[in-house]
Amino acid sequence: MTGGRRLATAARAFFVLATQNPIEMEGTYPLPEAQLDRFLLKLRVRYPAIEELNAIIDRTTQSRQVVVDRVMSGAKVLAYRELIREVPVAAHVRDFASGIVMATHPQWADAPDVTRRFVRYGASPRGAQALILAPRCAHSPRRYNVSLDDSRRWPRPRCGTA
């Protein structure tokens, strides 16, 4: 990884969280469209309800020791990452993900009218990969495969519309 002109190495098991506050944009710059698909998910977080806000205040304004417990080692994370890629995805589930991505491309013959009118560039192959990998992570533990229902839960957060 690089930051400025410094090169740093990261452990093999790491992840990146990025936040963006649409109200306080001064001094920050939105990522170019071509870089947005490097993130697996985009989640929009609603403003907390009053009970949640009170809990945030209580947790963050008192003097107390916060203890964070490790739930998994880096080696185990890497092992799960490989295991997830072994979860079977049937052709019709793969085709569903491909159809979602292709529907974002205005030049595709079957693109919806809304795409043709308002979209210049569609999702990349990374988007299709995410539409397969995310349901693999979250499929039902009672099944050994990804179902269409598993896949239907993911397009909105993946495509940035959640």
C-alpha atoms as a PDB file:
ATOM      1  CA  MET A   1       0.000   0.000   0.000  1.00  0.00           C
ATOM      2  CA  THR A   2       1.064   3.550  -0.517  1.00  0.00           C
ATOM      3  CA  GLY A   3       0.198   6.691   1.369  1.00  0.00           C
ATOM      4  CA  GLY A   4       1.679   9.812  -0.073  1.00  0.00           C
ATOM      5  CA  ARG A   5       5.096   8.623  -1.177  1.00  0.00           C
ATOM      6  CA  ARG A   6       5.490   5.994   1.536  1.00  0.00           C
ATOM      7  CA  LEU A   7       5.188   2.309   0.730  1.00  0.00           C
ATOM      8  CA  ALA A   8       3.930   0.068   3.508  1.00  0.00           C
ATOM      9  CA  THR A   9       3.218  -3.620   3.625  1.00  0.00           C
ATOM     10  CA  ALA A  10       0.079  -5.005   5.229  1.00  0.00           C
ATOM     11  CA  ALA A  11      -0.613  -8.378   6.714  1.00  0.00           C
ATOM     12  CA  ARG A  12      -2.334 -10.780   4.319  1.00  0.00           C
ATOM     13  CA  ALA A  13      -5.489 -10.625   6.433  1.00  0.00           C
ATOM     14  CA  PHE A  14      -6.664  -7.015   6.416  1.00  0.00           C
ATOM     15  CA  PHE A  15      -9.656  -5.024   5.288  1.00  0.00           C
ATOM     16  CA  VAL A  16     -10.399  -1.423   4.535  1.00  0.00           C
ATOM     17  CA  LEU A  17     -13.280   0.637   5.852  1.00  0.00           C
ATOM     18  CA  ALA A  18     -13.872   4.006   4.270  1.00  0.00           C
ATOM     19  CA  THR A  19     -16.342   6.570   5.492  1.00  0.00           C
ATOM     20  CA  GLN A  20     -17.791   9.531   3.720  1.00  0.00           C
ATOM     21  CA  ASN A  21     -19.971  12.154   5.343  1.00  0.00           C
ATOM     22  CA  PRO A  22     -22.024  13.836   2.595  1.00  0.00           C
ATOM     23  CA  ILE A  23     -22.600  16.885   4.815  1.00  0.00           C
ATOM     24  CA  GLU A  24     -18.974  17.564   5.718  1.00  0.00           C
ATOM     25  CA  MET A  25     -17.218  17.308   2.362  1.00  0.00           C
ATOM     26  CA  GLU A  26     -14.800  20.209   2.872  1.00  0.00           C
ATOM     27  CA  GLY A  27     -11.249  18.934   2.590  1.00  0.00           C
ATOM     28  CA  THR A  28     -12.346  15.515   1.324  1.00  0.00           C
ATOM     29  CA  TYR A  29     -12.887  14.401  -2.223  1.00  0.00           C
ATOM     30  CA  PRO A  30     -15.288  11.747  -3.455  1.00  0.00           C
ATOM     31  CA  LEU A  31     -13.613   8.781  -5.098  1.00  0.00           C
ATOM     32  CA  PRO A  32     -13.648   8.769  -8.891  1.00  0.00           C
ATOM     33  CA  GLU A  33     -16.350   6.493 -10.311  1.00  0.00           C
ATOM     34  CA  ALA A  34     -13.698   4.080 -11.610  1.00  0.00           C
ATOM     35  CA  GLN A  35     -12.453   3.450  -8.062  1.00  0.00           C
ATOM     36  CA  LEU A  36     -15.811   2.952  -6.331  1.00  0.00           C
ATOM     37  CA  ASP A  37     -16.063  -0.691  -7.370  1.00  0.00           C
ATOM     38  CA  ARG A  38     -12.938  -1.565  -5.401  1.00  0.00           C
ATOM     39  CA  PHE A  39     -15.124  -1.713  -2.295  1.00  0.00           C
ATOM     40  CA  LEU A  40     -17.202  -4.847  -1.804  1.00  0.00           C
ATOM     41  CA  LEU A  41     -20.178  -3.064  -0.245  1.00  0.00           C
ATOM     42  CA  LYS A  42     -21.571   0.423   0.091  1.00  0.00           C
ATOM     43  CA  LEU A  43     -23.872   0.946   3.029  1.00  0.00           C
ATOM     44  CA  ARG A  44     -25.769   4.089   3.840  1.00  0.00           C
ATOM     45  CA  VAL A  45     -26.190   4.446   7.561  1.00  0.00           C
ATOM     46  CA  ARG A  46     -29.316   6.254   8.728  1.00  0.00           C
ATOM     47  CA  TYR A  47     -29.189   8.737  11.545  1.00  0.00           C
ATOM     48  CA  PRO A  48     -29.687   6.942  14.876  1.00  0.00           C
ATOM     49  CA  ALA A  49     -33.022   6.932  16.694  1.00  0.00           C
ATOM     50  CA  ILE A  50     -33.057   8.765  20.026  1.00  0.00           C
ATOM     51  CA  GLU A  51     -32.500   5.539  22.023  1.00  0.00           C
ATOM     52  CA  GLU A  52     -29.524   4.663  19.839  1.00  0.00           C
ATOM     53  CA  LEU A  53     -28.162   8.187  20.107  1.00  0.00           C
ATOM     54  CA  ASN A  54     -28.412   7.986  23.897  1.00  0.00           C
ATOM     55  CA  ALA A  55     -26.522   4.672  23.850  1.00  0.00           C
ATOM     56  CA  ILE A  56     -23.807   6.247  21.693  1.00  0.00           C
ATOM     57  CA  ILE A  57     -23.514   9.145  24.132  1.00  0.00           C
ATOM     58  CA  ASP A  58     -23.324   6.792  27.123  1.00  0.00           C
ATOM     59  CA  ARG A  59     -20.672   4.581  25.514  1.00  0.00           C
ATOM     60  CA  THR A  60     -18.449   7.377  24.265  1.00  0.00           C
ATOM     61  CA  THR A  61     -18.552  10.104  26.911  1.00  0.00           C
ATOM     62  CA  GLN A  62     -17.745   8.145  30.029  1.00  0.00           C
ATOM     63  CA  SER A  63     -14.345   7.273  31.390  1.00  0.00           C
ATOM     64  CA  ARG A  64     -14.106   3.512  31.109  1.00  0.00           C
ATOM     65  CA  GLN A  65     -11.794   0.911  29.694  1.00  0.00           C
ATOM     66  CA  VAL A  66     -12.977  -0.563  26.407  1.00  0.00           C
ATOM     67  CA  VAL A  67     -12.027  -4.190  25.851  1.00  0.00           C
ATOM     68  CA  VAL A  68     -12.046  -5.620  22.364  1.00  0.00           C
ATOM     69  CA  ASP A  69     -11.910  -9.383  22.175  1.00  0.00           C
ATOM     70  CA  ARG A  70     -10.353 -11.118  19.225  1.00  0.00           C
ATOM     71  CA  VAL A  71     -12.870 -13.429  17.614  1.00  0.00           C
ATOM     72  CA  MET A  72     -10.632 -14.952  14.962  1.00  0.00           C
ATOM     73  CA  SER A  73      -6.950 -15.086  14.055  1.00  0.00           C
ATOM     74  CA  GLY A  74      -5.591 -13.738  10.789  1.00  0.00           C
ATOM     75  CA  ALA A  75      -4.761 -17.280   9.691  1.00  0.00           C
ATOM     76  CA  LYS A  76      -8.360 -18.356  10.296  1.00  0.00           C
ATOM     77  CA  VAL A  77      -9.672 -15.373   8.309  1.00  0.00           C
ATOM     78  CA  LEU A  78      -7.481 -16.419   5.390  1.00  0.00           C
ATOM     79  CA  ALA A  79      -8.661 -20.023   5.696  1.00  0.00           C
ATOM     80  CA  TYR A  80     -12.306 -18.891   5.620  1.00  0.00           C
ATOM     81  CA  ARG A  81     -11.568 -16.686   2.622  1.00  0.00           C
ATOM     82  CA  GLU A  82     -10.432 -19.779   0.740  1.00  0.00           C
ATOM     83  CA  LEU A  83     -13.317 -21.900   2.057  1.00  0.00           C
ATOM     84  CA  ILE A  84     -15.876 -19.334   0.867  1.00  0.00           C
ATOM     85  CA  ARG A  85     -14.590 -19.713  -2.682  1.00  0.00           C
ATOM     86  CA  GLU A  86     -15.442 -23.415  -2.478  1.00  0.00           C
ATOM     87  CA  VAL A  87     -19.181 -22.789  -1.863  1.00  0.00           C
ATOM     88  CA  PRO A  88     -20.946 -23.900  -5.061  1.00  0.00           C
ATOM     89  CA  VAL A  89     -22.813 -21.384  -7.190  1.00  0.00           C
ATOM     90  CA  ALA A  90     -25.099 -22.882  -9.829  1.00  0.00           C
ATOM     91  CA  ALA A  91     -25.071 -21.519 -13.375  1.00  0.00           C
ATOM     92  CA  HIS A  92     -28.522 -19.935 -13.013  1.00  0.00           C
ATOM     93  CA  VAL A  93     -27.360 -18.023  -9.902  1.00  0.00           C
ATOM     94  CA  ARG A  94     -24.218 -16.867 -11.726  1.00  0.00           C
ATOM     95  CA  ASP A  95     -26.378 -15.834 -14.702  1.00  0.00           C
ATOM     96  CA  PHE A  96     -28.628 -13.835 -12.340  1.00  0.00           C
ATOM     97  CA  ALA A  97     -25.602 -11.865 -11.089  1.00  0.00           C
ATOM     98  CA  SER A  98     -24.354 -11.329 -14.641  1.00  0.00           C
ATOM     99  CA  GLY A  99     -27.796 -10.115 -15.695  1.00  0.00           C
ATOM    100  CA  ILE A 100     -27.853  -7.539 -12.903  1.00  0.00           C
ATOM    101  CA  VAL A 101     -24.458  -6.207 -13.922  1.00  0.00           C
ATOM    102  CA  MET A 102     -25.295  -6.183 -17.619  1.00  0.00           C
ATOM    103  CA  ALA A 103     -28.551  -4.312 -16.902  1.00  0.00           C
ATOM    104  CA  THR A 104     -26.398  -1.398 -15.727  1.00  0.00           C
ATOM    105  CA  HIS A 105     -24.838  -1.063 -19.192  1.00  0.00           C
ATOM    106  CA  PRO A 106     -26.831   1.203 -21.529  1.00  0.00           C
ATOM    107  CA  GLN A 107     -25.365  -0.407 -24.645  1.00  0.00           C
ATOM    108  CA  TRP A 108     -26.589  -3.906 -23.653  1.00  0.00           C
ATOM    109  CA  ALA A 109     -29.489  -4.984 -25.865  1.00  0.00           C
ATOM    110  CA  ASP A 110     -31.677  -5.885 -22.864  1.00  0.00           C
ATOM    111  CA  ALA A 111     -30.810  -2.826 -20.747  1.00  0.00           C
ATOM    112  CA  PRO A 112     -33.853  -1.213 -19.102  1.00  0.00           C
ATOM    113  CA  ASP A 113     -34.977   2.190 -20.365  1.00  0.00           C
ATOM    114  CA  VAL A 114     -33.960   3.844 -17.080  1.00  0.00           C
ATOM    115  CA  THR A 115     -30.396   2.602 -17.644  1.00  0.00           C
ATOM    116  CA  ARG A 116     -30.342   3.862 -21.225  1.00  0.00           C
ATOM    117  CA  ARG A 117     -31.549   7.284 -20.077  1.00  0.00           C
ATOM    118  CA  PHE A 118     -29.492   7.869 -16.944  1.00  0.00           C
ATOM    119  CA  VAL A 119     -26.387   5.641 -16.940  1.00  0.00           C
ATOM    120  CA  ARG A 120     -23.241   6.273 -18.935  1.00  0.00           C
ATOM    121  CA  TYR A 121     -21.007   3.478 -17.601  1.00  0.00           C
ATOM    122  CA  GLY A 122     -22.256   0.307 -15.960  1.00  0.00           C
ATOM    123  CA  ALA A 123     -20.871  -1.916 -13.242  1.00  0.00           C
ATOM    124  CA  SER A 124     -17.547  -3.623 -13.866  1.00  0.00           C
ATOM    125  CA  PRO A 125     -16.647  -7.304 -13.638  1.00  0.00           C
ATOM    126  CA  ARG A 126     -15.706  -6.546 -10.001  1.00  0.00           C
ATOM    127  CA  GLY A 127     -19.388  -5.866  -9.394  1.00  0.00           C
ATOM    128  CA  ALA A 128     -20.266  -9.301 -10.757  1.00  0.00           C
ATOM    129  CA  GLN A 129     -17.586 -10.897  -8.592  1.00  0.00           C
ATOM    130  CA  ALA A 130     -19.006  -9.157  -5.524  1.00  0.00           C
ATOM    131  CA  LEU A 131     -22.520 -10.354  -6.384  1.00  0.00           C
ATOM    132  CA  ILE A 132     -21.172 -13.906  -6.204  1.00  0.00           C
ATOM    133  CA  LEU A 133     -18.784 -13.566  -3.246  1.00  0.00           C
ATOM    134  CA  ALA A 134     -21.138 -11.712  -0.868  1.00  0.00           C
ATOM    135  CA  PRO A 135     -23.889 -14.381  -1.007  1.00  0.00           C
ATOM    136  CA  ARG A 136     -21.229 -17.060  -0.626  1.00  0.00           C
ATOM    137  CA  CYS A 137     -20.322 -15.474   2.705  1.00  0.00           C
ATOM    138  CA  ALA A 138     -23.918 -15.211   3.865  1.00  0.00           C
ATOM    139  CA  HIS A 139     -25.645 -18.287   2.475  1.00  0.00           C
ATOM    140  CA  SER A 140     -27.791 -20.372   4.795  1.00  0.00           C
ATOM    141  CA  PRO A 141     -25.801 -22.729   7.031  1.00  0.00           C
ATOM    142  CA  ARG A 142     -28.445 -25.378   6.275  1.00  0.00           C
ATOM    143  CA  ARG A 143     -27.316 -25.503   2.645  1.00  0.00           C
ATOM    144  CA  TYR A 144     -23.982 -26.050   0.992  1.00  0.00           C
ATOM    145  CA  ASN A 145     -24.754 -23.844  -1.987  1.00  0.00           C
ATOM    146  CA  VAL A 146     -25.771 -20.284  -2.830  1.00  0.00           C
ATOM    147  CA  SER A 147     -29.442 -19.905  -3.762  1.00  0.00           C
ATOM    148  CA  LEU A 148     -31.186 -17.216  -5.776  1.00  0.00           C
ATOM    149  CA  ASP A 149     -32.677 -15.947  -2.507  1.00  0.00           C
ATOM    150  CA  ASP A 150     -29.161 -15.501  -1.104  1.00  0.00           C
ATOM    151  CA  SER A 151     -28.211 -13.582  -4.253  1.00  0.00           C
ATOM    152  CA  ARG A 152     -31.302 -11.361  -4.276  1.00  0.00           C
ATOM    153  CA  ARG A 153     -30.356  -9.861  -0.908  1.00  0.00           C
ATOM    154  CA  TRP A 154     -27.075  -8.359  -2.145  1.00  0.00           C
ATOM    155  CA  PRO A 155     -27.435  -6.204  -5.275  1.00  0.00           C
ATOM    156  CA  ARG A 156     -28.643  -3.058  -3.478  1.00  0.00           C
ATOM    157  CA  PRO A 157     -25.744  -2.725  -1.000  1.00  0.00           C
ATOM    158  CA  ARG A 158     -23.258  -3.848  -3.616  1.00  0.00           C
ATOM    159  CA  CYS A 159     -24.461  -1.450  -6.307  1.00  0.00           C
ATOM    160  CA  GLY A 160     -24.529   1.519  -3.930  1.00  0.00           C
ATOM    161  CA  THR A 161     -28.304   1.920  -3.658  1.00  0.00           C
ATOM    162  CA  ALA A 162     -28.837   0.797  -0.063  1.00  0.00           C
END
